[in-house]
Amino acid sequence: MGHSTTQAALIYQHTAMERDRAIADALGKLAKEALTKEDPDGSGT
């Protein structure tokens, strides 16, 4: 990864995974809200 130590690489990976999860959760929430607005009664049609 180009980090000076193995520990630095592990810290970076852990932080990146947490950030990826936060982004995915936010996008999922936006998608769910958008779908709810399109189909407010949840009928799927």
C-alpha atoms as a PDB file:
ATOM      1  CA  MET A   1       0.000   0.000   0.000  1.00  0.00           C
ATOM      2  CA  GLY A   2       3.008   2.280   0.238  1.00  0.00           C
ATOM      3  CA  HIS A   3       2.738   2.920   3.976  1.00  0.00           C
ATOM      4  CA  SER A   4       5.868   3.190   6.067  1.00  0.00           C
ATOM      5  CA  THR A   5       4.841   0.400   8.443  1.00  0.00           C
ATOM      6  CA  THR A   6       2.481  -2.539   8.532  1.00  0.00           C
ATOM      7  CA  GLN A   7       0.654  -0.895  11.431  1.00  0.00           C
ATOM      8  CA  ALA A   8       0.078   2.259   9.370  1.00  0.00           C
ATOM      9  CA  ALA A   9      -1.352   0.159   6.540  1.00  0.00           C
ATOM     10  CA  LEU A  10      -3.726  -1.639   8.922  1.00  0.00           C
ATOM     11  CA  ILE A  11      -4.909   1.639  10.440  1.00  0.00           C
ATOM     12  CA  TYR A  12      -5.560   3.025   6.958  1.00  0.00           C
ATOM     13  CA  GLN A  13      -7.467  -0.084   5.884  1.00  0.00           C
ATOM     14  CA  HIS A  14      -9.634  -0.019   9.005  1.00  0.00           C
ATOM     15  CA  THR A  15     -10.446   3.659   8.561  1.00  0.00           C
ATOM     16  CA  ALA A  16     -11.196   3.190   4.860  1.00  0.00           C
ATOM     17  CA  MET A  17     -13.566   0.290   5.600  1.00  0.00           C
ATOM     18  CA  GLU A  18     -15.445   2.373   8.171  1.00  0.00           C
ATOM     19  CA  ARG A  19     -15.762   5.242   5.690  1.00  0.00           C
ATOM     20  CA  ASP A  20     -16.930   2.885   2.939  1.00  0.00           C
ATOM     21  CA  ARG A  21     -19.622   1.548   5.296  1.00  0.00           C
ATOM     22  CA  ALA A  22     -20.771   5.077   6.176  1.00  0.00           C
ATOM     23  CA  ILE A  23     -21.035   5.994   2.490  1.00  0.00           C
ATOM     24  CA  ALA A  24     -22.922   2.786   1.664  1.00  0.00           C
ATOM     25  CA  ASP A  25     -25.341   3.351   4.549  1.00  0.00           C
ATOM     26  CA  ALA A  26     -26.019   6.934   3.438  1.00  0.00           C
ATOM     27  CA  LEU A  27     -26.594   5.882  -0.176  1.00  0.00           C
ATOM     28  CA  GLY A  28     -28.893   3.088   0.963  1.00  0.00           C
ATOM     29  CA  LYS A  29     -30.931   5.551   3.005  1.00  0.00           C
ATOM     30  CA  LEU A  30     -31.232   7.925   0.044  1.00  0.00           C
ATOM     31  CA  ALA A  31     -32.311   5.078  -2.244  1.00  0.00           C
ATOM     32  CA  LYS A  32     -34.911   3.863   0.233  1.00  0.00           C
ATOM     33  CA  GLU A  33     -36.331   7.380   0.598  1.00  0.00           C
ATOM     34  CA  ALA A  34     -36.486   7.812  -3.184  1.00  0.00           C
ATOM     35  CA  LEU A  35     -38.264   4.495  -3.640  1.00  0.00           C
ATOM     36  CA  THR A  36     -40.735   5.322  -0.875  1.00  0.00           C
ATOM     37  CA  LYS A  37     -41.594   8.619  -2.595  1.00  0.00           C
ATOM     38  CA  GLU A  38     -42.245   6.761  -5.868  1.00  0.00           C
ATOM     39  CA  ASP A  39     -44.447   4.134  -4.211  1.00  0.00           C
ATOM     40  CA  PRO A  40     -45.825   5.649  -0.980  1.00  0.00           C
ATOM     41  CA  ASP A  41     -48.284   2.820  -0.276  1.00  0.00           C
ATOM     42  CA  GLY A  42     -45.635   0.127  -0.765  1.00  0.00           C
ATOM     43  CA  SER A  43     -47.726  -1.797  -3.275  1.00  0.00           C
ATOM     44  CA  GLY A  44     -44.794  -2.378  -5.616  1.00  0.00           C
ATOM     45  CA  THR A  45     -46.740  -1.107  -8.608  1.00  0.00           C
END
